[in-house]
Amino acid sequence: MKKVNLYTDGSSLGNPGSSGYCALLEYVMGNEEKVYKQISGGEFYSTNGRMELKAVVEGLKLLKEPCEVTIISDSKYVCDSINQYLQNWLKKGFKDVKHTDLWGEYVNISKMHTIRTQWVKAHNGHPQNEHCDKVARANAELHNQA
């Protein structure tokens, strides 16, 4: 299995408000060269938590084969949900859980991968996280109805 890093971030102006997300896949080739693939977008009215999760889902959709994926995110919501709460939510049929549509997509698309998460502190100089933050915010501003 290929090993990839999936850097993600979401942004919402107003929370809820105009919003954006960014997912950046990083794959290290045999010669140590890094290859990147990015997807980003936004919505006119959404929340930060939803965009954080949307970034993960859209990033995983870019993968065409089973991979070992490390999701690197500044979202405790995403990391803690995947690591601690998701199995229980599945057992309870996602009762009282927000963003069930995206969690359903995550469950389906993540099945073929081995996934772990790594939380990073936001706005702390992590280059890929800073990049995703910048792109997610730009998408939120693009979708701003003001």
Protein backbone atom coordinates (compact mmCIF):
# COMPACT_ATOMS: atom_id res chain seq x y z
CA MET A 1 0.00 0.00 0.00
CA LYS A 2 1.15 3.49 -0.78
CA LYS A 3 1.56 5.80 2.19
CA VAL A 4 0.08 9.26 1.79
CA ASN A 5 -0.43 12.27 4.01
CA LEU A 6 -3.73 14.10 3.73
CA TYR A 7 -3.53 17.65 5.04
CA THR A 8 -6.90 19.32 5.52
CA ASP A 9 -8.49 22.50 6.76
CA GLY A 10 -11.87 24.19 6.74
CA SER A 11 -12.95 27.77 7.20
CA SER A 12 -16.21 29.56 7.85
CA LEU A 13 -16.77 33.30 7.99
CA GLY A 14 -19.34 33.78 10.70
CA ASN A 15 -19.68 30.08 11.54
CA PRO A 16 -22.17 29.53 10.04
CA GLY A 17 -21.50 31.66 7.02
CA SER A 18 -19.66 31.53 3.73
CA SER A 19 -17.18 28.70 3.96
CA GLY A 20 -14.34 26.87 2.28
CA TYR A 21 -12.14 23.80 2.54
CA CYS A 22 -8.85 22.51 1.24
CA ALA A 23 -7.36 19.02 1.07
CA LEU A 24 -3.75 18.47 0.06
CA LEU A 25 -2.49 14.95 -0.63
CA GLU A 26 1.23 14.32 -0.30
CA TYR A 27 2.93 11.20 -1.63
CA VAL A 28 6.67 10.59 -1.32
CA MET A 29 8.04 8.77 -4.36
CA GLY A 30 10.86 6.21 -4.18
CA ASN A 31 13.41 8.88 -5.04
CA GLU A 32 12.16 11.01 -2.09
CA GLU A 33 10.44 13.46 -4.48
CA LYS A 34 7.13 14.69 -3.07
CA VAL A 35 4.07 14.72 -5.29
CA TYR A 36 1.03 16.80 -4.35
CA LYS A 37 -2.59 16.78 -5.43
CA GLN A 38 -5.07 19.34 -4.12
CA ILE A 39 -8.80 19.86 -4.08
CA SER A 40 -10.69 22.79 -2.61
CA GLY A 41 -14.08 24.40 -2.72
CA GLY A 42 -16.69 26.06 -0.60
CA GLU A 43 -20.31 26.73 0.17
CA PHE A 44 -22.31 29.91 0.59
CA TYR A 45 -23.59 28.93 4.04
CA SER A 46 -22.02 26.28 6.22
CA THR A 47 -20.03 25.72 9.40
CA ASN A 48 -16.36 25.31 10.12
CA GLY A 49 -16.87 21.76 11.41
CA ARG A 50 -18.67 20.75 8.24
CA MET A 51 -15.89 22.18 6.08
CA GLU A 52 -13.21 20.42 8.14
CA LEU A 53 -14.96 17.11 7.46
CA LYS A 54 -15.70 17.96 3.82
CA ALA A 55 -11.97 18.49 3.25
CA VAL A 56 -11.24 14.97 4.52
CA VAL A 57 -13.97 13.38 2.39
CA GLU A 58 -12.98 15.23 -0.78
CA GLY A 59 -9.31 14.46 -0.21
CA LEU A 60 -9.99 10.74 0.19
CA LYS A 61 -12.02 10.79 -3.03
CA LEU A 62 -8.83 11.73 -4.90
CA LEU A 63 -7.24 8.37 -4.06
CA LYS A 64 -7.64 5.74 -6.76
CA GLU A 65 -6.30 2.73 -4.85
CA PRO A 66 -6.13 1.52 -1.24
CA CYS A 67 -3.57 3.52 0.74
CA GLU A 68 -2.22 4.01 4.22
CA VAL A 69 -3.50 7.52 4.90
CA THR A 70 -2.43 9.84 7.67
CA ILE A 71 -4.98 12.64 7.98
CA ILE A 72 -3.16 15.66 9.37
CA SER A 73 -5.64 18.24 10.60
CA ASP A 74 -5.94 21.09 13.07
CA SER A 75 -9.52 19.98 13.74
CA LYS A 76 -9.97 18.16 17.04
CA TYR A 77 -13.56 17.56 15.87
CA VAL A 78 -12.35 15.50 12.90
CA CYS A 79 -9.48 13.73 14.65
CA ASP A 80 -11.38 12.89 17.83
CA SER A 81 -14.48 11.83 15.90
CA ILE A 82 -12.53 9.39 13.75
CA ASN A 83 -10.41 8.04 16.61
CA GLN A 84 -12.90 7.97 19.48
CA TYR A 85 -16.53 8.42 18.48
CA LEU A 86 -17.15 7.04 14.99
CA GLN A 87 -17.51 3.37 15.96
CA ASN A 88 -20.11 4.21 18.60
CA TRP A 89 -21.95 6.53 16.19
CA LEU A 90 -22.14 3.67 13.69
CA LYS A 91 -23.62 1.33 16.32
CA LYS A 92 -26.25 3.94 17.22
CA GLY A 93 -27.09 4.76 13.60
CA PHE A 94 -25.62 8.27 13.86
CA LYS A 95 -28.40 9.33 16.24
CA ASP A 96 -27.95 12.99 17.27
CA VAL A 97 -24.77 13.37 15.18
CA LYS A 98 -24.20 16.44 12.99
CA HIS A 99 -23.18 16.12 9.34
CA THR A 100 -24.45 12.55 8.95
CA ASP A 101 -24.33 12.88 5.15
CA LEU A 102 -20.60 13.59 5.22
CA TRP A 103 -19.91 11.00 7.90
CA GLY A 104 -21.72 8.45 5.73
CA GLU A 105 -19.50 9.40 2.78
CA TYR A 106 -16.44 9.17 5.01
CA VAL A 107 -17.38 5.69 6.22
CA ASN A 108 -17.93 4.44 2.66
CA ILE A 109 -14.82 5.97 1.12
CA SER A 110 -12.50 5.17 4.02
CA LYS A 111 -13.27 1.42 3.97
CA MET A 112 -10.57 0.61 1.43
CA HIS A 113 -7.87 2.57 3.26
CA THR A 114 -5.95 2.22 6.49
CA ILE A 115 -6.47 5.55 8.21
CA ARG A 116 -4.92 7.28 11.18
CA THR A 117 -5.16 10.89 12.23
CA GLN A 118 -2.63 13.35 13.51
CA TRP A 119 -3.72 16.61 15.12
CA VAL A 120 -1.58 19.70 14.60
CA LYS A 121 -1.99 23.05 16.29
CA ALA A 122 -3.54 25.65 13.97
CA HIS A 123 -1.58 28.76 12.96
CA ASN A 124 1.62 27.32 14.35
CA GLY A 125 3.84 27.42 11.28
CA HIS A 126 3.14 23.92 9.90
CA PRO A 127 3.69 24.58 6.16
CA GLN A 128 1.02 22.28 4.71
CA ASN A 129 -1.53 23.23 7.37
CA GLU A 130 -0.85 26.92 6.76
CA HIS A 131 -1.29 26.34 3.02
CA CYS A 132 -4.62 24.55 3.51
CA ASP A 133 -5.78 27.28 5.89
CA LYS A 134 -4.98 29.97 3.33
CA VAL A 135 -6.77 28.13 0.50
CA ALA A 136 -9.81 27.27 2.67
CA ARG A 137 -10.14 30.90 3.78
CA ALA A 138 -9.80 32.14 0.19
CA ASN A 139 -12.63 29.80 -0.82
CA ALA A 140 -14.76 31.07 2.07
CA GLU A 141 -14.15 34.64 0.96
CA LEU A 142 -15.03 33.66 -2.62
CA HIS A 143 -18.37 32.33 -1.39
CA ASN A 144 -19.08 35.38 0.77
CA GLN A 145 -22.47 36.82 -0.18
CA ALA A 146 -21.76 40.22 1.39
